[in-house]
Amino acid sequence: MPSKATIKHSLVIHITTLTVCLLCSISLVQAQVNTERFHLGKEQQEGWQAELASRLALTRGNVNVTDISGAISVRHQTLWPKEEGSDAPRALAQRWAFVGNIRRARALDRIFSNQAFAHARWTHMWTKRVGIEAFTQLQFDEFIALRMRVLVGGYIRYVPVRTKYVTLALGTGYMPEYEVFDTETAGQTYRNPRLNHRWSNYLMLSGNISPTLQFQFTNYMQPRFDRFHDMHMLQSFIASLDVFEHVALTLTAEVQTDLEPPPSIEPVDVRITPGLSVKW
């Protein structure tokens, strides 16, 4: 019979490992990606902007954890001239954007995150309210048995509401999607590989409740044309509250749904991420 010290030691290890996994499970890579969130708070900035981030977490001893990740985002945008006599923000004219990230994490000799993602998008507004978007994406995620997802697509973008306090944007378009899943996890009966033709739609609502509080809600719905109940969905809510001049509290909540995932893969993922942001 194990001693109390041994039981306590084992319990501490398992709790520590579980905590690490939960903290690290906030994935940088997702099946559906809310690209609008990368522009929150930067809507009125013109020209080139770039962000580069990396992380290395190592724990050795009773609990061995290795977590390596990196992310990059680059964009360039231009805006329409300011409307005379209006307090509405300047409207987007054209934007190029690229987002990429990679992550590999292991705890207790078990890989719990191994994924990579790249997304490029071009937005061109014919008028201040109507325009087009084109995008392409490449993705790998071992955690959901996804060996490769390649997609391209295009939207018609419409901005029916644009005021000082709130902006509403809608998009609808066509998205062919090629997927390859791990055969052992997906099973022989799961259609694999597969080419899907999806009707991709999004709604984005963002605004400023006060000079210090910003929010954004985005909803993506992507049913297959030939099988409407095979649908990808993503609901994302982001809020940012400035507490000091260069410090903000943030909250991100996302619900990601795949109504027909491979066997053994859960159809719904929920992520709630509070955070602290330092900015200049």
C-alpha atoms as a PDB file:
ATOM      1  CA  MET A   1       0.000   0.000   0.000  1.00  0.00           C
ATOM      2  CA  PRO A   2       1.511   3.361  -1.007  1.00  0.00           C
ATOM      3  CA  SER A   3       2.366   5.797   1.726  1.00  0.00           C
ATOM      4  CA  LYS A   4       0.546   9.067   2.253  1.00  0.00           C
ATOM      5  CA  ALA A   5       3.623  10.936   1.033  1.00  0.00           C
ATOM      6  CA  THR A   6       3.660   8.930  -2.201  1.00  0.00           C
ATOM      7  CA  ILE A   7      -0.053   9.513  -2.772  1.00  0.00           C
ATOM      8  CA  LYS A   8       0.355  13.211  -2.059  1.00  0.00           C
ATOM      9  CA  HIS A   9       3.372  13.412  -4.382  1.00  0.00           C
ATOM     10  CA  SER A  10       1.480  11.663  -7.196  1.00  0.00           C
ATOM     11  CA  LEU A  11      -1.547  13.890  -6.681  1.00  0.00           C
ATOM     12  CA  VAL A  12       0.573  17.034  -6.905  1.00  0.00           C
ATOM     13  CA  ILE A  13       2.130  15.813 -10.154  1.00  0.00           C
ATOM     14  CA  HIS A  14      -1.254  15.038 -11.729  1.00  0.00           C
ATOM     15  CA  ILE A  15      -2.784  18.324 -10.600  1.00  0.00           C
ATOM     16  CA  THR A  16       0.225  20.255 -11.896  1.00  0.00           C
ATOM     17  CA  THR A  17       0.121  18.436 -15.207  1.00  0.00           C
ATOM     18  CA  LEU A  18      -3.625  19.003 -15.553  1.00  0.00           C
ATOM     19  CA  THR A  19      -3.194  22.699 -14.784  1.00  0.00           C
ATOM     20  CA  VAL A  20      -0.446  23.043 -17.376  1.00  0.00           C
ATOM     21  CA  CYS A  21      -2.544  21.246 -19.988  1.00  0.00           C
ATOM     22  CA  LEU A  22      -5.563  23.419 -19.265  1.00  0.00           C
ATOM     23  CA  LEU A  23      -3.515  26.597 -19.476  1.00  0.00           C
ATOM     24  CA  CYS A  24      -1.852  25.444 -22.674  1.00  0.00           C
ATOM     25  CA  SER A  25      -5.047  24.189 -24.258  1.00  0.00           C
ATOM     26  CA  ILE A  26      -5.863  27.747 -25.296  1.00  0.00           C
ATOM     27  CA  SER A  27      -5.063  26.864 -28.874  1.00  0.00           C
ATOM     28  CA  LEU A  28      -3.481  29.254 -31.338  1.00  0.00           C
ATOM     29  CA  VAL A  29      -4.929  27.183 -34.152  1.00  0.00           C
ATOM     30  CA  GLN A  30      -8.571  26.430 -34.811  1.00  0.00           C
ATOM     31  CA  ALA A  31     -10.677  24.931 -37.572  1.00  0.00           C
ATOM     32  CA  GLN A  32     -12.499  28.208 -38.014  1.00  0.00           C
ATOM     33  CA  VAL A  33     -10.499  31.330 -37.352  1.00  0.00           C
ATOM     34  CA  ASN A  34     -11.882  34.737 -36.462  1.00  0.00           C
ATOM     35  CA  THR A  35      -9.554  36.900 -38.539  1.00  0.00           C
ATOM     36  CA  GLU A  36     -11.516  40.027 -37.605  1.00  0.00           C
ATOM     37  CA  ARG A  37     -10.130  39.889 -34.062  1.00  0.00           C
ATOM     38  CA  PHE A  38      -6.623  40.714 -35.305  1.00  0.00           C
ATOM     39  CA  HIS A  39      -7.882  44.178 -36.312  1.00  0.00           C
ATOM     40  CA  LEU A  40      -9.612  45.084 -33.035  1.00  0.00           C
ATOM     41  CA  GLY A  41      -8.360  48.463 -31.863  1.00  0.00           C
ATOM     42  CA  LYS A  42      -6.380  49.009 -35.078  1.00  0.00           C
ATOM     43  CA  GLU A  43      -9.200  49.893 -37.447  1.00  0.00           C
ATOM     44  CA  GLN A  44      -8.021  53.505 -37.886  1.00  0.00           C
ATOM     45  CA  GLN A  45      -4.326  52.732 -38.418  1.00  0.00           C
ATOM     46  CA  GLU A  46      -2.968  53.023 -41.976  1.00  0.00           C
ATOM     47  CA  GLY A  47       0.162  51.558 -43.512  1.00  0.00           C
ATOM     48  CA  TRP A  48       2.202  48.518 -42.503  1.00  0.00           C
ATOM     49  CA  GLN A  49       1.874  46.846 -39.116  1.00  0.00           C
ATOM     50  CA  ALA A  50       3.559  43.658 -37.897  1.00  0.00           C
ATOM     51  CA  GLU A  51       3.562  41.576 -34.742  1.00  0.00           C
ATOM     52  CA  LEU A  52       5.876  38.707 -33.846  1.00  0.00           C
ATOM     53  CA  ALA A  53       5.517  36.516 -30.762  1.00  0.00           C
ATOM     54  CA  SER A  54       7.224  33.394 -29.472  1.00  0.00           C
ATOM     55  CA  ARG A  55       7.047  31.289 -26.340  1.00  0.00           C
ATOM     56  CA  LEU A  56       9.211  28.578 -24.809  1.00  0.00           C
ATOM     57  CA  ALA A  57       8.097  26.924 -21.574  1.00  0.00           C
ATOM     58  CA  LEU A  58      10.267  24.219 -20.008  1.00  0.00           C
ATOM     59  CA  THR A  59       9.642  22.308 -16.791  1.00  0.00           C
ATOM     60  CA  ARG A  60      11.945  19.541 -15.635  1.00  0.00           C
ATOM     61  CA  GLY A  61      11.911  17.361 -12.532  1.00  0.00           C
ATOM     62  CA  ASN A  62       8.740  15.799 -11.170  1.00  0.00           C
ATOM     63  CA  VAL A  63       6.784  17.168 -14.136  1.00  0.00           C
ATOM     64  CA  ASN A  64       8.399  17.416 -17.577  1.00  0.00           C
ATOM     65  CA  VAL A  65       6.721  19.929 -19.860  1.00  0.00           C
ATOM     66  CA  THR A  66       7.953  21.400 -23.140  1.00  0.00           C
ATOM     67  CA  ASP A  67       5.845  24.008 -24.903  1.00  0.00           C
ATOM     68  CA  ILE A  68       7.172  25.819 -27.983  1.00  0.00           C
ATOM     69  CA  SER A  69       5.080  28.225 -30.052  1.00  0.00           C
ATOM     70  CA  GLY A  70       5.474  31.159 -32.396  1.00  0.00           C
ATOM     71  CA  ALA A  71       3.113  33.551 -34.157  1.00  0.00           C
ATOM     72  CA  ILE A  72       3.399  36.274 -36.773  1.00  0.00           C
ATOM     73  CA  SER A  73       0.907  38.734 -38.222  1.00  0.00           C
ATOM     74  CA  VAL A  74       1.543  41.281 -40.961  1.00  0.00           C
ATOM     75  CA  ARG A  75      -0.942  43.647 -42.522  1.00  0.00           C
ATOM     76  CA  HIS A  76      -1.225  46.786 -44.619  1.00  0.00           C
ATOM     77  CA  GLN A  77      -4.365  48.861 -44.925  1.00  0.00           C
ATOM     78  CA  THR A  78      -5.612  52.113 -46.378  1.00  0.00           C
ATOM     79  CA  LEU A  79      -8.723  54.053 -45.410  1.00  0.00           C
ATOM     80  CA  TRP A  80     -11.262  56.194 -47.202  1.00  0.00           C
ATOM     81  CA  PRO A  81     -10.994  59.953 -46.490  1.00  0.00           C
ATOM     82  CA  LYS A  82     -12.828  61.307 -43.486  1.00  0.00           C
ATOM     83  CA  GLU A  83     -16.440  62.276 -44.208  1.00  0.00           C
ATOM     84  CA  GLU A  84     -17.084  65.963 -43.622  1.00  0.00           C
ATOM     85  CA  GLY A  85     -19.673  66.690 -40.965  1.00  0.00           C
ATOM     86  CA  SER A  86     -19.688  63.093 -39.694  1.00  0.00           C
ATOM     87  CA  ASP A  87     -18.281  61.688 -36.451  1.00  0.00           C
ATOM     88  CA  ALA A  88     -18.137  58.161 -37.922  1.00  0.00           C
ATOM     89  CA  PRO A  89     -14.673  56.568 -38.147  1.00  0.00           C
ATOM     90  CA  ARG A  90     -12.920  56.383 -41.511  1.00  0.00           C
ATOM     91  CA  ALA A  91     -14.017  53.432 -43.616  1.00  0.00           C
ATOM     92  CA  LEU A  92     -11.689  50.662 -44.761  1.00  0.00           C
ATOM     93  CA  ALA A  93     -10.556  50.977 -48.381  1.00  0.00           C
ATOM     94  CA  GLN A  94      -8.120  48.090 -48.835  1.00  0.00           C
ATOM     95  CA  ARG A  95      -6.312  45.610 -46.584  1.00  0.00           C
ATOM     96  CA  TRP A  96      -3.691  42.894 -47.007  1.00  0.00           C
ATOM     97  CA  ALA A  97      -3.251  40.588 -44.004  1.00  0.00           C
ATOM     98  CA  PHE A  98      -1.258  37.460 -43.169  1.00  0.00           C
ATOM     99  CA  VAL A  99      -1.438  35.462 -39.940  1.00  0.00           C
ATOM    100  CA  GLY A 100       0.640  32.398 -39.147  1.00  0.00           C
ATOM    101  CA  ASN A 101       1.458  30.367 -36.059  1.00  0.00           C
ATOM    102  CA  ILE A 102       2.873  27.042 -34.943  1.00  0.00           C
ATOM    103  CA  ARG A 103       2.857  25.142 -31.658  1.00  0.00           C
ATOM    104  CA  ARG A 104       4.184  21.877 -30.238  1.00  0.00           C
ATOM    105  CA  ALA A 105       3.684  20.946 -26.582  1.00  0.00           C
ATOM    106  CA  ARG A 106       4.452  17.813 -24.559  1.00  0.00           C
ATOM    107  CA  ALA A 107       3.735  16.890 -20.934  1.00  0.00           C
ATOM    108  CA  LEU A 108       4.787  13.637 -19.222  1.00  0.00           C
ATOM    109  CA  ASP A 109       5.940  12.194 -22.577  1.00  0.00           C
ATOM    110  CA  ARG A 110       2.531  12.888 -24.085  1.00  0.00           C
ATOM    111  CA  ILE A 111       2.059  15.365 -26.927  1.00  0.00           C
ATOM    112  CA  PHE A 112      -1.099  17.386 -26.274  1.00  0.00           C
ATOM    113  CA  SER A 113      -0.620  20.073 -28.936  1.00  0.00           C
ATOM    114  CA  ASN A 114       0.969  19.772 -32.371  1.00  0.00           C
ATOM    115  CA  GLN A 115      -0.412  22.230 -34.878  1.00  0.00           C
ATOM    116  CA  ALA A 116       0.366  24.856 -37.482  1.00  0.00           C
ATOM    117  CA  PHE A 117      -1.704  27.438 -39.323  1.00  0.00           C
ATOM    118  CA  ALA A 118      -1.346  30.113 -42.014  1.00  0.00           C
ATOM    119  CA  HIS A 119      -4.037  32.463 -43.364  1.00  0.00           C
ATOM    120  CA  ALA A 120      -3.795  35.239 -45.962  1.00  0.00           C
ATOM    121  CA  ARG A 121      -6.607  37.656 -46.841  1.00  0.00           C
ATOM    122  CA  TRP A 122      -7.154  40.580 -49.202  1.00  0.00           C
ATOM    123  CA  THR A 123     -10.042  43.016 -48.743  1.00  0.00           C
ATOM    124  CA  HIS A 124     -10.952  45.636 -51.326  1.00  0.00           C
ATOM    125  CA  MET A 125     -13.909  47.948 -50.761  1.00  0.00           C
ATOM    126  CA  TRP A 126     -15.472  49.315 -53.958  1.00  0.00           C
ATOM    127  CA  THR A 127     -17.390  51.835 -51.872  1.00  0.00           C
ATOM    128  CA  LYS A 128     -17.399  52.648 -48.171  1.00  0.00           C
ATOM    129  CA  ARG A 129     -20.028  49.941 -47.652  1.00  0.00           C
ATOM    130  CA  VAL A 130     -19.571  47.266 -50.336  1.00  0.00           C
ATOM    131  CA  GLY A 131     -16.486  45.323 -51.373  1.00  0.00           C
ATOM    132  CA  ILE A 132     -14.915  41.904 -51.913  1.00  0.00           C
ATOM    133  CA  GLU A 133     -12.561  39.636 -49.973  1.00  0.00           C
ATOM    134  CA  ALA A 134     -10.346  36.754 -51.101  1.00  0.00           C
ATOM    135  CA  PHE A 135      -8.533  34.380 -48.748  1.00  0.00           C
ATOM    136  CA  THR A 136      -6.552  31.166 -48.527  1.00  0.00           C
ATOM    137  CA  GLN A 137      -5.630  28.979 -45.573  1.00  0.00           C
ATOM    138  CA  LEU A 138      -3.345  26.037 -44.752  1.00  0.00           C
ATOM    139  CA  GLN A 139      -3.714  24.107 -41.504  1.00  0.00           C
ATOM    140  CA  PHE A 140      -2.492  21.058 -39.579  1.00  0.00           C
ATOM    141  CA  ASP A 141      -3.741  19.951 -36.143  1.00  0.00           C
ATOM    142  CA  GLU A 142      -2.881  16.562 -34.684  1.00  0.00           C
ATOM    143  CA  PHE A 143      -5.143  17.189 -31.666  1.00  0.00           C
ATOM    144  CA  ILE A 144      -8.286  16.927 -33.833  1.00  0.00           C
ATOM    145  CA  ALA A 145      -6.752  14.271 -36.153  1.00  0.00           C
ATOM    146  CA  LEU A 146      -6.393  16.830 -38.953  1.00  0.00           C
ATOM    147  CA  ARG A 147      -3.378  16.100 -41.142  1.00  0.00           C
ATOM    148  CA  MET A 148      -4.099  18.891 -43.599  1.00  0.00           C
ATOM    149  CA  ARG A 149      -6.770  21.407 -44.452  1.00  0.00           C
ATOM    150  CA  VAL A 150      -6.367  23.619 -47.507  1.00  0.00           C
ATOM    151  CA  LEU A 151      -9.014  26.131 -48.473  1.00  0.00           C
ATOM    152  CA  VAL A 152      -9.535  29.165 -50.643  1.00  0.00           C
ATOM    153  CA  GLY A 153     -12.549  31.385 -50.959  1.00  0.00           C
ATOM    154  CA  GLY A 154     -14.101  34.763 -51.487  1.00  0.00           C
ATOM    155  CA  TYR A 155     -16.719  36.997 -49.881  1.00  0.00           C
ATOM    156  CA  ILE A 156     -18.957  39.869 -50.778  1.00  0.00           C
ATOM    157  CA  ARG A 157     -18.516  42.226 -47.821  1.00  0.00           C
ATOM    158  CA  TYR A 158     -21.235  44.673 -46.789  1.00  0.00           C
ATOM    159  CA  VAL A 159     -21.025  47.262 -44.005  1.00  0.00           C
ATOM    160  CA  PRO A 160     -24.603  48.443 -43.331  1.00  0.00           C
ATOM    161  CA  VAL A 161     -23.772  50.249 -40.068  1.00  0.00           C
ATOM    162  CA  ARG A 162     -20.731  52.403 -39.352  1.00  0.00           C
ATOM    163  CA  THR A 163     -21.057  54.992 -36.602  1.00  0.00           C
ATOM    164  CA  LYS A 164     -18.849  56.486 -33.917  1.00  0.00           C
ATOM    165  CA  TYR A 165     -19.894  53.775 -31.452  1.00  0.00           C
ATOM    166  CA  VAL A 166     -20.666  50.655 -33.480  1.00  0.00           C
ATOM    167  CA  THR A 167     -19.791  48.961 -36.785  1.00  0.00           C
ATOM    168  CA  LEU A 168     -21.659  46.047 -38.360  1.00  0.00           C
ATOM    169  CA  ALA A 169     -20.128  44.072 -41.241  1.00  0.00           C
ATOM    170  CA  LEU A 170     -21.574  41.082 -43.116  1.00  0.00           C
ATOM    171  CA  GLY A 171     -19.924  38.666 -45.518  1.00  0.00           C
ATOM    172  CA  THR A 172     -21.138  35.817 -47.699  1.00  0.00           C
ATOM    173  CA  GLY A 173     -19.317  33.706 -50.260  1.00  0.00           C
ATOM    174  CA  TYR A 174     -18.004  30.389 -51.551  1.00  0.00           C
ATOM    175  CA  MET A 175     -15.270  28.285 -49.934  1.00  0.00           C
ATOM    176  CA  PRO A 176     -13.891  24.996 -51.361  1.00  0.00           C
ATOM    177  CA  GLU A 177     -12.139  23.014 -48.631  1.00  0.00           C
ATOM    178  CA  TYR A 178      -9.827  19.991 -48.947  1.00  0.00           C
ATOM    179  CA  GLU A 179      -9.278  17.922 -45.793  1.00  0.00           C
ATOM    180  CA  VAL A 180      -7.140  14.903 -44.904  1.00  0.00           C
ATOM    181  CA  PHE A 181      -7.663  13.233 -41.520  1.00  0.00           C
ATOM    182  CA  ASP A 182      -5.658  10.615 -39.653  1.00  0.00           C
ATOM    183  CA  THR A 183      -7.126   7.295 -40.813  1.00  0.00           C
ATOM    184  CA  GLU A 184      -6.588   5.525 -37.496  1.00  0.00           C
ATOM    185  CA  THR A 185      -8.564   8.160 -35.597  1.00  0.00           C
ATOM    186  CA  ALA A 186     -11.184   8.933 -38.227  1.00  0.00           C
ATOM    187  CA  GLY A 187     -11.838   5.279 -39.123  1.00  0.00           C
ATOM    188  CA  GLN A 188     -12.160   3.568 -42.474  1.00  0.00           C
ATOM    189  CA  THR A 189     -15.832   4.511 -42.854  1.00  0.00           C
ATOM    190  CA  TYR A 190     -15.230   8.264 -42.522  1.00  0.00           C
ATOM    191  CA  ARG A 191     -15.002   9.970 -45.925  1.00  0.00           C
ATOM    192  CA  ASN A 192     -11.307  10.745 -46.105  1.00  0.00           C
ATOM    193  CA  PRO A 193      -9.745  12.620 -47.824  1.00  0.00           C
ATOM    194  CA  ARG A 194     -12.596  14.845 -48.826  1.00  0.00           C
ATOM    195  CA  LEU A 195     -13.305  17.965 -50.841  1.00  0.00           C
ATOM    196  CA  ASN A 196     -16.136  20.074 -49.449  1.00  0.00           C
ATOM    197  CA  HIS A 197     -17.855  23.025 -51.069  1.00  0.00           C
ATOM    198  CA  ARG A 198     -19.113  25.361 -48.354  1.00  0.00           C
ATOM    199  CA  TRP A 199     -21.272  28.454 -48.210  1.00  0.00           C
ATOM    200  CA  SER A 200     -19.270  30.693 -45.865  1.00  0.00           C
ATOM    201  CA  ASN A 201     -20.969  33.534 -43.982  1.00  0.00           C
ATOM    202  CA  TYR A 202     -19.966  35.872 -41.194  1.00  0.00           C
ATOM    203  CA  LEU A 203     -21.377  38.691 -39.094  1.00  0.00           C
ATOM    204  CA  MET A 204     -19.082  41.063 -37.222  1.00  0.00           C
ATOM    205  CA  LEU A 205     -20.289  43.612 -34.684  1.00  0.00           C
ATOM    206  CA  SER A 206     -17.729  45.844 -32.979  1.00  0.00           C
ATOM    207  CA  GLY A 207     -17.938  49.009 -31.002  1.00  0.00           C
ATOM    208  CA  ASN A 208     -16.863  51.315 -28.205  1.00  0.00           C
ATOM    209  CA  ILE A 209     -19.181  51.353 -25.211  1.00  0.00           C
ATOM    210  CA  SER A 210     -16.964  54.065 -23.713  1.00  0.00           C
ATOM    211  CA  PRO A 211     -13.539  55.539 -24.543  1.00  0.00           C
ATOM    212  CA  THR A 212     -11.946  52.756 -22.440  1.00  0.00           C
ATOM    213  CA  LEU A 213     -14.126  49.750 -23.326  1.00  0.00           C
ATOM    214  CA  GLN A 214     -14.057  48.014 -26.719  1.00  0.00           C
ATOM    215  CA  PHE A 215     -15.864  44.877 -27.812  1.00  0.00           C
ATOM    216  CA  GLN A 216     -16.244  42.656 -30.853  1.00  0.00           C
ATOM    217  CA  PHE A 217     -18.626  39.798 -31.613  1.00  0.00           C
ATOM    218  CA  THR A 218     -18.135  37.605 -34.681  1.00  0.00           C
ATOM    219  CA  ASN A 219     -20.293  34.731 -35.906  1.00  0.00           C
ATOM    220  CA  TYR A 220     -19.186  32.377 -38.714  1.00  0.00           C
ATOM    221  CA  MET A 221     -21.486  29.776 -40.308  1.00  0.00           C
ATOM    222  CA  GLN A 222     -20.147  27.464 -43.042  1.00  0.00           C
ATOM    223  CA  PRO A 223     -22.590  24.742 -44.196  1.00  0.00           C
ATOM    224  CA  ARG A 224     -21.784  22.347 -47.039  1.00  0.00           C
ATOM    225  CA  PHE A 225     -23.802  23.047 -50.171  1.00  0.00           C
ATOM    226  CA  ASP A 226     -24.637  19.355 -50.665  1.00  0.00           C
ATOM    227  CA  ARG A 227     -25.219  18.576 -46.957  1.00  0.00           C
ATOM    228  CA  PHE A 228     -26.404  21.598 -45.025  1.00  0.00           C
ATOM    229  CA  HIS A 229     -26.308  19.919 -41.598  1.00  0.00           C
ATOM    230  CA  ASP A 230     -22.550  19.332 -42.044  1.00  0.00           C
ATOM    231  CA  MET A 231     -21.695  22.769 -40.735  1.00  0.00           C
ATOM    232  CA  HIS A 232     -18.720  24.569 -39.207  1.00  0.00           C
ATOM    233  CA  MET A 233     -19.582  27.388 -36.817  1.00  0.00           C
ATOM    234  CA  LEU A 234     -17.649  29.824 -34.678  1.00  0.00           C
ATOM    235  CA  GLN A 235     -18.975  32.370 -32.208  1.00  0.00           C
ATOM    236  CA  SER A 236     -16.333  34.701 -30.805  1.00  0.00           C
ATOM    237  CA  PHE A 237     -16.616  37.534 -28.286  1.00  0.00           C
ATOM    238  CA  ILE A 238     -13.715  39.806 -27.334  1.00  0.00           C
ATOM    239  CA  ALA A 239     -13.732  42.684 -24.833  1.00  0.00           C
ATOM    240  CA  SER A 240     -10.932  45.042 -23.832  1.00  0.00           C
ATOM    241  CA  LEU A 241     -11.062  47.451 -20.881  1.00  0.00           C
ATOM    242  CA  ASP A 242      -8.334  50.075 -20.406  1.00  0.00           C
ATOM    243  CA  VAL A 243      -7.524  50.231 -16.692  1.00  0.00           C
ATOM    244  CA  PHE A 244      -4.416  52.431 -17.013  1.00  0.00           C
ATOM    245  CA  GLU A 245      -2.868  54.425 -19.848  1.00  0.00           C
ATOM    246  CA  HIS A 246      -0.994  51.444 -21.333  1.00  0.00           C
ATOM    247  CA  VAL A 247      -2.693  48.514 -19.565  1.00  0.00           C
ATOM    248  CA  ALA A 248      -5.943  46.771 -20.502  1.00  0.00           C
ATOM    249  CA  LEU A 249      -7.894  43.807 -19.189  1.00  0.00           C
ATOM    250  CA  THR A 250      -9.088  41.461 -21.940  1.00  0.00           C
ATOM    251  CA  LEU A 251     -11.600  38.647 -22.186  1.00  0.00           C
ATOM    252  CA  THR A 252     -11.983  36.247 -25.096  1.00  0.00           C
ATOM    253  CA  ALA A 253     -14.768  33.659 -25.292  1.00  0.00           C
ATOM    254  CA  GLU A 254     -15.137  31.306 -28.265  1.00  0.00           C
ATOM    255  CA  VAL A 255     -17.442  28.423 -29.117  1.00  0.00           C
ATOM    256  CA  GLN A 256     -16.277  26.340 -32.086  1.00  0.00           C
ATOM    257  CA  THR A 257     -18.567  23.688 -33.568  1.00  0.00           C
ATOM    258  CA  ASP A 258     -18.150  20.966 -36.189  1.00  0.00           C
ATOM    259  CA  LEU A 259     -21.480  19.166 -36.546  1.00  0.00           C
ATOM    260  CA  GLU A 260     -19.939  16.154 -38.336  1.00  0.00           C
ATOM    261  CA  PRO A 261     -16.433  15.637 -36.912  1.00  0.00           C
ATOM    262  CA  PRO A 262     -14.462  12.392 -37.204  1.00  0.00           C
ATOM    263  CA  PRO A 263     -15.295   9.678 -34.648  1.00  0.00           C
ATOM    264  CA  SER A 264     -13.762  10.261 -31.190  1.00  0.00           C
ATOM    265  CA  ILE A 265     -13.497  14.025 -31.875  1.00  0.00           C
ATOM    266  CA  GLU A 266     -15.843  16.200 -29.812  1.00  0.00           C
ATOM    267  CA  PRO A 267     -18.138  18.410 -31.934  1.00  0.00           C
ATOM    268  CA  VAL A 268     -17.917  21.477 -29.663  1.00  0.00           C
ATOM    269  CA  ASP A 269     -14.896  23.298 -28.196  1.00  0.00           C
ATOM    270  CA  VAL A 270     -15.336  26.147 -25.705  1.00  0.00           C
ATOM    271  CA  ARG A 271     -12.495  28.508 -24.824  1.00  0.00           C
ATOM    272  CA  ILE A 272     -12.671  31.319 -22.267  1.00  0.00           C
ATOM    273  CA  THR A 273      -9.471  33.322 -21.908  1.00  0.00           C
ATOM    274  CA  PRO A 274      -9.057  36.273 -19.522  1.00  0.00           C
ATOM    275  CA  GLY A 275      -5.876  38.250 -20.015  1.00  0.00           C
ATOM    276  CA  LEU A 276      -3.838  41.368 -19.439  1.00  0.00           C
ATOM    277  CA  SER A 277      -2.558  43.491 -22.313  1.00  0.00           C
ATOM    278  CA  VAL A 278       0.271  46.024 -22.217  1.00  0.00           C
ATOM    279  CA  LYS A 279       0.356  48.384 -25.208  1.00  0.00           C
ATOM    280  CA  TRP A 280       2.032  51.539 -26.468  1.00  0.00           C
END
